[in-house]
Amino acid sequence: MVKPQSGNNNIVTTLPVGTAISQLPLRGRSFWGMFGIQKLDIYIIKKFLSTFFFAIMVLAIISCVIDYSEKVDNIVSKKAPLMTVVNYYKDFIPHITALLFPLFIFIATIFFTSKMAYKSEIIAILSSGISFGRFFRPYVIGAGFLCSVSLIANHWIIPVANKERIAFEDKYINDGNFIAVNDNMHLGISKDNYVFLQSYNYSNNSGTRFTSEKVSGTLLREKLMAESLNYDTVKKIWHLHNVMIRSNDSSKESIRRLPELEMHYPFTPADLNRTDAIKEALTTPELNKYIATEKLHGRENLNTYFIEKQRRTAQPFAGFILTVIGGCIACRKIRGGSGLHLALGIVISAIYIMFLQFSTTLSAKANLDPLISVWIPNFVFAIVAMVLYRRQTR
């Protein structure tokens, strides 16, 4: 069965025909071996992770250069300090990385797998008796690790970086000056108290035609109307001018008129100017609280916030699915080599991004369920991944 032969102090072992590499005994017990991870796994995982982080580094540098070239005029004109700019791009890199995570991981998988196929490494591995499922195990391990990191980062780390990034853009890039809001603003400040403002000027913290209504079921208990109001940023109170208060206790009505009145309302001017950008700067627990507050305020369409919440979980799973697709596509040695594999990978990535953008637009504009709109591209591409994997295992 096994014959040791001497020569040049080397021992040559002859194994029975049909013995697979995976069946060979290991020398000792390594740390990774305790977890069932062998040399083949480590070899492929190293290639996977090194290619992924190299792709991130290259695309992050390119993105920073393009972003800086677009914003350099504002940065110079507003004299942004050098360290502030450096900190901005420190926060910008996680943002762009999280945004393009599925593309990064997919291109990395296509690239290093096609190189292995071009060098006939995959043919040699499979010819040694290792099944495709066993060969694909390090892909699952590597993708699982990266997707877990992305999942944690999307929910807790990236929003913190986005908060500082958005603050920099508001101060140095955007105009930063609010203009009078002429359209009507409705806000629910409690379950039975609602306020209305015809217009508000953020430059001097003043508004016109303010109304506050307190209701009990279908009965209007109190209606307060003021010609104008100002917000005191120091005392955190509202100053109302030319006030009329109409009270109703179901048996009689009373009207009071006051030249001025100070009120502590549980909202600030910032609550009147909520932009969609705020959703990117909130961790998931903060986003949940914000959604609950906006529901209380009577905001009707919150689908963009639900989409953001679902996206943070769906995106890492998309990276895992695209890893399976990329590995199955690029493992075959074909004429055209890595270039054809990369071209095919970019096309598939573009289709996925277009599909996701279409479904999320339907959710934001046509009230499609955010859960369905965000996860349906993953569901469709998961079916594609399963079909490709089953074809490779046959």
Protein backbone atom coordinates (compact mmCIF):
# COMPACT_ATOMS: atom_id res chain seq x y z
CA MET A 1 0.00 0.00 0.00
CA VAL A 2 2.61 2.60 1.12
CA LYS A 3 6.27 2.31 0.14
CA PRO A 4 8.92 4.59 1.68
CA GLN A 5 11.82 5.17 -0.70
CA SER A 6 15.13 6.73 0.16
CA GLY A 7 17.01 9.16 -1.94
CA ASN A 8 18.40 12.62 -1.26
CA ASN A 9 17.08 12.28 2.33
CA ASN A 10 13.50 12.58 1.04
CA ILE A 11 10.68 10.15 1.67
CA VAL A 12 8.33 9.54 -1.24
CA THR A 13 4.98 8.04 -0.37
CA THR A 14 2.97 6.10 -2.92
CA LEU A 15 -0.75 6.12 -2.25
CA PRO A 16 -3.43 3.84 -3.64
CA VAL A 17 -5.13 5.06 -6.79
CA GLY A 18 -8.26 7.09 -6.08
CA THR A 19 -7.13 8.52 -2.73
CA ALA A 20 -8.41 12.09 -2.46
CA ILE A 21 -6.32 14.96 -1.13
CA SER A 22 -9.02 15.70 1.42
CA GLN A 23 -8.52 12.18 2.84
CA LEU A 24 -4.84 12.68 3.64
CA PRO A 25 -3.97 12.83 7.36
CA LEU A 26 -2.85 16.17 8.77
CA ARG A 27 0.51 16.60 10.47
CA GLY A 28 -0.41 17.51 14.02
CA ARG A 29 -3.44 19.58 14.90
CA SER A 30 -3.36 23.25 13.89
CA PHE A 31 -5.50 25.99 15.40
CA TRP A 32 -7.67 26.26 12.28
CA GLY A 33 -7.82 22.49 11.98
CA MET A 34 -9.72 22.42 15.27
CA PHE A 35 -12.53 24.23 13.45
CA GLY A 36 -12.38 21.98 10.39
CA ILE A 37 -10.56 24.61 8.30
CA GLN A 38 -7.79 23.03 6.22
CA LYS A 39 -5.03 24.36 4.00
CA LEU A 40 -7.27 24.50 0.93
CA ASP A 41 -9.77 26.65 2.87
CA ILE A 42 -7.06 29.01 4.11
CA TYR A 43 -5.58 29.32 0.62
CA ILE A 44 -8.90 30.31 -1.00
CA ILE A 45 -10.02 32.53 1.91
CA LYS A 46 -6.74 34.46 1.74
CA LYS A 47 -7.23 35.03 -1.97
CA PHE A 48 -10.85 36.04 -1.38
CA LEU A 49 -10.19 38.54 1.41
CA SER A 50 -7.03 40.04 -0.13
CA THR A 51 -8.80 40.62 -3.46
CA PHE A 52 -11.84 42.09 -1.70
CA PHE A 53 -9.85 44.57 0.41
CA PHE A 54 -7.67 45.49 -2.58
CA ALA A 55 -10.81 46.25 -4.59
CA ILE A 56 -12.15 48.36 -1.70
CA MET A 57 -8.89 50.28 -1.43
CA VAL A 58 -8.71 51.06 -5.15
CA LEU A 59 -12.36 52.04 -5.56
CA ALA A 60 -12.37 54.02 -2.29
CA ILE A 61 -9.36 56.07 -3.45
CA ILE A 62 -10.98 56.69 -6.83
CA SER A 63 -14.26 57.70 -5.15
CA CYS A 64 -12.47 60.10 -2.79
CA VAL A 65 -10.61 61.75 -5.67
CA ILE A 66 -13.81 62.20 -7.69
CA ASP A 67 -15.71 63.51 -4.65
CA TYR A 68 -12.93 65.95 -3.75
CA SER A 69 -12.73 67.29 -7.31
CA GLU A 70 -16.46 68.07 -7.14
CA LYS A 71 -16.32 69.78 -3.73
CA VAL A 72 -12.92 71.46 -3.77
CA ASP A 73 -14.36 74.89 -4.67
CA ASN A 74 -16.67 74.90 -1.63
CA ILE A 75 -13.94 73.54 0.65
CA VAL A 76 -11.49 76.26 -0.39
CA SER A 77 -14.02 79.12 -0.43
CA LYS A 78 -15.31 78.25 3.06
CA LYS A 79 -11.78 77.61 4.38
CA ALA A 80 -12.40 74.16 5.80
CA PRO A 81 -9.50 73.10 8.08
CA LEU A 82 -7.26 70.35 6.73
CA MET A 83 -7.93 67.91 9.57
CA THR A 84 -11.67 68.47 9.19
CA VAL A 85 -11.41 67.53 5.52
CA VAL A 86 -9.32 64.46 6.41
CA ASN A 87 -11.91 63.41 9.00
CA TYR A 88 -14.65 63.92 6.41
CA TYR A 89 -13.02 61.47 4.01
CA LYS A 90 -12.38 59.11 6.90
CA ASP A 91 -16.17 59.01 7.27
CA PHE A 92 -16.81 59.10 3.52
CA ILE A 93 -14.91 55.84 2.86
CA PRO A 94 -17.21 53.69 5.09
CA HIS A 95 -20.21 55.34 3.43
CA ILE A 96 -19.12 54.53 -0.14
CA THR A 97 -17.92 51.07 0.90
CA ALA A 98 -21.27 50.21 2.47
CA LEU A 99 -23.10 51.62 -0.54
CA LEU A 100 -21.22 49.42 -3.01
CA PHE A 101 -20.60 46.40 -0.78
CA PRO A 102 -22.44 43.85 -3.01
CA LEU A 103 -20.53 45.13 -6.05
CA PHE A 104 -17.18 44.95 -4.20
CA ILE A 105 -17.66 41.39 -3.01
CA PHE A 106 -19.04 40.21 -6.37
CA ILE A 107 -16.22 41.67 -8.45
CA ALA A 108 -13.64 40.30 -5.99
CA THR A 109 -15.16 36.81 -6.25
CA ILE A 110 -15.23 36.94 -10.06
CA PHE A 111 -11.67 38.23 -10.26
CA PHE A 112 -9.80 35.79 -8.03
CA THR A 113 -11.88 32.76 -9.09
CA SER A 114 -11.34 33.41 -12.79
CA LYS A 115 -7.59 33.72 -12.15
CA MET A 116 -7.62 30.35 -10.38
CA ALA A 117 -9.57 28.85 -13.27
CA TYR A 118 -7.20 30.36 -15.86
CA LYS A 119 -4.21 28.78 -14.05
CA SER A 120 -6.05 25.43 -13.98
CA GLU A 121 -5.96 25.38 -10.17
CA ILE A 122 -9.66 24.58 -9.92
CA ILE A 123 -9.35 21.71 -12.40
CA ALA A 124 -6.48 20.27 -10.33
CA ILE A 125 -8.46 20.58 -7.09
CA LEU A 126 -11.59 18.94 -8.46
CA SER A 127 -9.55 16.22 -10.25
CA SER A 128 -8.00 15.21 -6.93
CA GLY A 129 -11.36 13.90 -5.76
CA ILE A 130 -12.63 16.99 -3.93
CA SER A 131 -16.29 17.69 -4.63
CA PHE A 132 -17.48 21.08 -5.82
CA GLY A 133 -19.39 21.54 -2.56
CA ARG A 134 -16.18 20.96 -0.56
CA PHE A 135 -14.26 23.29 -2.88
CA PHE A 136 -16.92 25.99 -2.39
CA ARG A 137 -16.84 25.85 1.42
CA PRO A 138 -14.17 28.59 1.82
CA TYR A 139 -16.32 30.86 -0.34
CA VAL A 140 -19.16 30.41 2.14
CA ILE A 141 -16.81 31.05 5.09
CA GLY A 142 -15.27 34.17 3.52
CA ALA A 143 -18.60 35.60 2.37
CA GLY A 144 -20.19 34.79 5.72
CA PHE A 145 -17.43 36.69 7.55
CA LEU A 146 -17.63 39.76 5.28
CA CYS A 147 -21.43 39.82 5.32
CA SER A 148 -21.48 39.58 9.13
CA VAL A 149 -19.12 42.55 9.38
CA SER A 150 -21.26 44.46 6.87
CA LEU A 151 -24.44 43.64 8.81
CA ILE A 152 -23.02 45.01 12.07
CA ALA A 153 -21.54 48.06 10.33
CA ASN A 154 -24.78 48.91 8.50
CA HIS A 155 -26.83 48.96 11.70
CA TRP A 156 -24.41 50.67 14.13
CA ILE A 157 -21.09 51.88 12.66
CA ILE A 158 -21.87 53.42 9.26
CA PRO A 159 -24.67 55.70 10.64
CA VAL A 160 -22.22 57.24 13.13
CA ALA A 161 -19.80 58.00 10.29
CA ASN A 162 -22.67 59.36 8.18
CA LYS A 163 -23.67 61.73 10.98
CA GLU A 164 -20.27 63.44 10.88
CA ARG A 165 -20.15 63.31 7.08
CA ILE A 166 -23.55 64.99 6.72
CA ALA A 167 -22.61 67.62 9.33
CA PHE A 168 -19.51 68.51 7.28
CA GLU A 169 -21.52 68.74 4.06
CA ASP A 170 -24.14 70.95 5.71
CA LYS A 171 -21.46 73.32 7.00
CA TYR A 172 -18.98 73.48 4.12
CA ILE A 173 -20.63 72.06 0.99
CA ASN A 174 -24.32 72.94 1.11
CA ASP A 175 -25.52 76.51 1.32
CA GLY A 176 -26.62 76.02 4.92
CA ASN A 177 -29.18 78.83 4.71
CA PHE A 178 -32.83 77.91 5.14
CA ILE A 179 -35.45 79.89 3.29
CA ALA A 180 -39.01 80.54 4.30
CA VAL A 181 -41.22 77.51 3.91
CA ASN A 182 -44.41 78.60 2.21
CA ASP A 183 -46.26 75.32 2.10
CA ASN A 184 -48.44 74.16 4.97
CA MET A 185 -46.86 72.09 7.75
CA HIS A 186 -48.84 69.73 9.97
CA LEU A 187 -47.34 68.10 13.03
CA GLY A 188 -48.74 65.79 15.67
CA ILE A 189 -47.00 66.47 19.00
CA SER A 190 -49.05 64.01 21.08
CA LYS A 191 -51.95 61.62 20.64
CA ASP A 192 -54.50 64.40 21.12
CA ASN A 193 -52.56 67.55 20.19
CA TYR A 194 -51.84 68.73 16.64
CA VAL A 195 -50.21 71.92 15.36
CA PHE A 196 -50.26 73.72 12.01
CA LEU A 197 -47.97 76.39 10.53
CA GLN A 198 -48.57 78.25 7.30
CA SER A 199 -44.91 79.25 6.91
CA TYR A 200 -41.65 79.28 8.85
CA ASN A 201 -38.40 81.19 8.30
CA TYR A 202 -35.38 79.32 9.64
CA SER A 203 -33.00 82.28 9.36
CA ASN A 204 -34.79 84.23 12.12
CA ASN A 205 -36.78 81.37 13.74
CA SER A 206 -40.16 82.97 13.08
CA GLY A 207 -43.41 81.62 11.67
CA THR A 208 -46.86 82.82 10.69
CA ARG A 209 -50.45 81.66 11.25
CA PHE A 210 -49.89 79.07 13.94
CA THR A 211 -52.70 76.80 15.14
CA SER A 212 -52.74 74.23 17.96
CA GLU A 213 -55.69 71.87 18.38
CA LYS A 214 -56.47 69.58 21.31
CA VAL A 215 -59.02 66.87 20.57
CA SER A 216 -60.75 64.20 22.60
CA GLY A 217 -62.21 61.56 20.34
CA THR A 218 -64.33 63.56 17.90
CA LEU A 219 -64.64 66.61 20.19
CA LEU A 220 -62.41 69.64 19.68
CA ARG A 221 -61.52 70.67 23.24
CA GLU A 222 -59.28 73.65 22.53
CA LYS A 223 -58.08 75.60 19.53
CA LEU A 224 -55.25 78.11 19.90
CA MET A 225 -54.48 80.49 17.04
CA ALA A 226 -51.61 82.97 16.77
CA GLU A 227 -50.77 85.43 14.02
CA SER A 228 -47.04 84.82 14.43
CA LEU A 229 -44.56 83.04 16.66
CA ASN A 230 -40.83 82.94 17.43
CA TYR A 231 -38.63 80.23 18.87
CA ASP A 232 -36.24 81.09 21.72
CA THR A 233 -33.20 78.88 21.17
CA VAL A 234 -31.83 79.66 24.64
CA LYS A 235 -34.93 79.00 26.77
CA LYS A 236 -36.31 76.40 24.31
CA ILE A 237 -39.76 77.98 24.35
CA TRP A 238 -42.16 79.39 21.76
CA HIS A 239 -43.29 83.05 21.89
CA LEU A 240 -46.78 83.47 20.41
CA HIS A 241 -48.17 86.86 19.31
CA ASN A 242 -51.82 88.01 18.90
CA VAL A 243 -53.21 84.84 20.40
CA MET A 244 -56.84 83.69 20.46
CA ILE A 245 -57.79 80.61 22.51
CA ARG A 246 -61.15 78.97 21.92
CA SER A 247 -62.17 76.37 24.54
CA ASN A 248 -65.05 73.90 24.41
CA ASP A 249 -66.15 71.57 27.22
CA SER A 250 -69.18 70.21 25.30
CA SER A 251 -71.57 72.38 27.32
CA LYS A 252 -70.26 75.88 26.63
CA GLU A 253 -67.57 77.70 24.67
CA SER A 254 -65.21 80.46 25.76
CA ILE A 255 -62.82 82.71 23.86
CA ARG A 256 -59.75 84.46 25.25
CA ARG A 257 -57.46 86.93 23.49
CA LEU A 258 -53.87 87.56 24.57
CA PRO A 259 -51.27 89.87 23.03
CA GLU A 260 -48.45 87.41 23.86
CA LEU A 261 -48.06 83.93 25.25
CA GLU A 262 -45.14 81.64 26.03
CA MET A 263 -45.60 77.92 25.43
CA HIS A 264 -43.45 74.81 25.89
CA TYR A 265 -44.30 72.66 22.88
CA PRO A 266 -42.47 69.33 22.42
CA PHE A 267 -41.07 70.22 18.99
CA THR A 268 -38.34 72.46 17.62
CA PRO A 269 -37.75 74.16 14.24
CA ALA A 270 -35.59 71.18 13.28
CA ASP A 271 -38.67 68.97 13.46
CA LEU A 272 -40.28 71.12 10.76
CA ASN A 273 -37.38 70.61 8.35
CA ARG A 274 -36.73 66.88 8.45
CA THR A 275 -34.89 65.72 5.33
CA ASP A 276 -34.46 62.20 4.04
CA ALA A 277 -30.71 62.46 4.65
CA ILE A 278 -31.30 62.08 8.39
CA LYS A 279 -32.17 58.39 7.95
CA GLU A 280 -28.56 57.64 6.98
CA ALA A 281 -27.23 59.23 10.19
CA LEU A 282 -29.33 57.20 12.64
CA THR A 283 -28.38 53.82 14.06
CA THR A 284 -31.12 51.23 13.74
CA PRO A 285 -32.42 51.70 17.34
CA GLU A 286 -32.46 55.49 16.74
CA LEU A 287 -34.18 54.96 13.39
CA ASN A 288 -36.91 52.90 15.07
CA LYS A 289 -37.50 55.70 17.59
CA TYR A 290 -37.50 58.29 14.82
CA ILE A 291 -40.10 56.35 12.81
CA ALA A 292 -42.31 56.09 15.92
CA THR A 293 -41.98 59.86 16.49
CA GLU A 294 -42.82 60.67 12.87
CA LYS A 295 -45.89 58.45 13.08
CA LEU A 296 -46.96 60.44 16.14
CA HIS A 297 -46.37 63.66 14.21
CA GLY A 298 -48.81 62.45 11.59
CA ARG A 299 -46.36 61.97 8.74
CA GLU A 300 -48.09 59.86 6.11
CA ASN A 301 -45.39 58.38 3.87
CA LEU A 302 -42.54 56.82 5.85
CA ASN A 303 -41.60 54.22 3.25
CA THR A 304 -38.17 55.75 2.61
CA TYR A 305 -37.27 55.15 6.27
CA PHE A 306 -38.60 51.60 6.23
CA ILE A 307 -36.62 50.99 3.03
CA GLU A 308 -33.45 52.22 4.75
CA LYS A 309 -34.12 49.95 7.71
CA GLN A 310 -34.66 46.88 5.52
CA ARG A 311 -31.73 47.75 3.24
CA ARG A 312 -29.27 47.54 6.11
CA THR A 313 -30.11 43.86 6.54
CA ALA A 314 -30.81 42.92 2.92
CA GLN A 315 -27.58 44.34 1.51
CA PRO A 316 -25.19 41.93 3.30
CA PHE A 317 -27.35 38.99 2.22
CA ALA A 318 -27.14 40.32 -1.34
CA GLY A 319 -23.36 40.18 -1.05
CA PHE A 320 -23.55 36.54 0.03
CA ILE A 321 -25.89 35.63 -2.85
CA LEU A 322 -23.71 37.42 -5.40
CA THR A 323 -20.66 35.57 -4.04
CA VAL A 324 -22.33 32.25 -4.88
CA ILE A 325 -23.27 33.48 -8.35
CA GLY A 326 -19.79 34.88 -9.00
CA GLY A 327 -18.02 31.74 -7.82
CA CYS A 328 -20.21 29.47 -9.95
CA ILE A 329 -19.78 31.63 -13.07
CA ALA A 330 -16.02 32.16 -12.83
CA CYS A 331 -14.93 28.65 -11.82
CA ARG A 332 -15.01 27.40 -15.40
CA LYS A 333 -12.01 27.99 -17.63
CA ILE A 334 -13.33 29.60 -20.80
CA ARG A 335 -11.90 31.36 -23.80
CA GLY A 336 -11.61 35.03 -22.94
CA GLY A 337 -10.35 34.44 -19.39
CA SER A 338 -10.79 36.95 -16.57
CA GLY A 339 -11.88 39.75 -18.87
CA LEU A 340 -15.01 37.94 -20.00
CA HIS A 341 -15.82 36.91 -16.43
CA LEU A 342 -15.43 40.48 -15.19
CA ALA A 343 -17.59 41.84 -18.00
CA LEU A 344 -20.29 39.29 -17.17
CA GLY A 345 -19.99 40.16 -13.48
CA ILE A 346 -20.43 43.89 -14.14
CA VAL A 347 -23.51 43.19 -16.25
CA ILE A 348 -25.08 41.05 -13.50
CA SER A 349 -24.24 43.71 -10.89
CA ALA A 350 -25.86 46.38 -13.04
CA ILE A 351 -28.99 44.25 -13.43
CA TYR A 352 -29.19 43.72 -9.67
CA ILE A 353 -28.75 47.45 -8.90
CA MET A 354 -31.36 48.42 -11.51
CA PHE A 355 -33.77 45.81 -10.13
CA LEU A 356 -33.27 47.09 -6.58
CA GLN A 357 -33.64 50.73 -7.64
CA PHE A 358 -36.84 49.98 -9.54
CA SER A 359 -38.44 48.11 -6.63
CA THR A 360 -37.47 50.73 -4.02
CA THR A 361 -38.82 53.51 -6.24
CA LEU A 362 -42.11 51.65 -6.44
CA SER A 363 -42.15 51.49 -2.65
CA ALA A 364 -41.37 55.19 -2.16
CA LYS A 365 -43.73 56.47 -4.85
CA ALA A 366 -46.42 53.78 -5.20
CA ASN A 367 -46.58 52.56 -1.57
CA LEU A 368 -45.27 49.06 -2.32
CA ASP A 369 -44.46 47.25 0.92
CA PRO A 370 -40.82 48.15 1.79
CA LEU A 371 -40.14 44.59 2.96
CA ILE A 372 -41.11 43.25 -0.45
CA SER A 373 -39.40 45.99 -2.45
CA VAL A 374 -36.02 45.53 -0.73
CA TRP A 375 -35.99 41.74 -0.47
CA ILE A 376 -37.50 40.72 -3.81
CA PRO A 377 -34.21 41.28 -5.76
CA ASN A 378 -32.45 39.05 -3.21
CA PHE A 379 -35.15 36.41 -3.59
CA VAL A 380 -34.87 36.40 -7.40
CA PHE A 381 -31.08 36.30 -7.42
CA ALA A 382 -31.09 33.61 -4.72
CA ILE A 383 -33.03 31.39 -7.13
CA VAL A 384 -30.42 32.14 -9.83
CA ALA A 385 -27.63 31.27 -7.35
CA MET A 386 -29.28 27.96 -6.44
CA VAL A 387 -29.69 26.99 -10.10
CA LEU A 388 -26.06 27.81 -10.92
CA TYR A 389 -24.78 25.96 -7.85
CA ARG A 390 -26.81 22.84 -8.62
CA ARG A 391 -25.50 22.83 -12.20
CA GLN A 392 -21.91 22.92 -10.88
CA THR A 393 -22.47 20.11 -8.39
CA ARG A 394 -23.81 17.69 -11.01
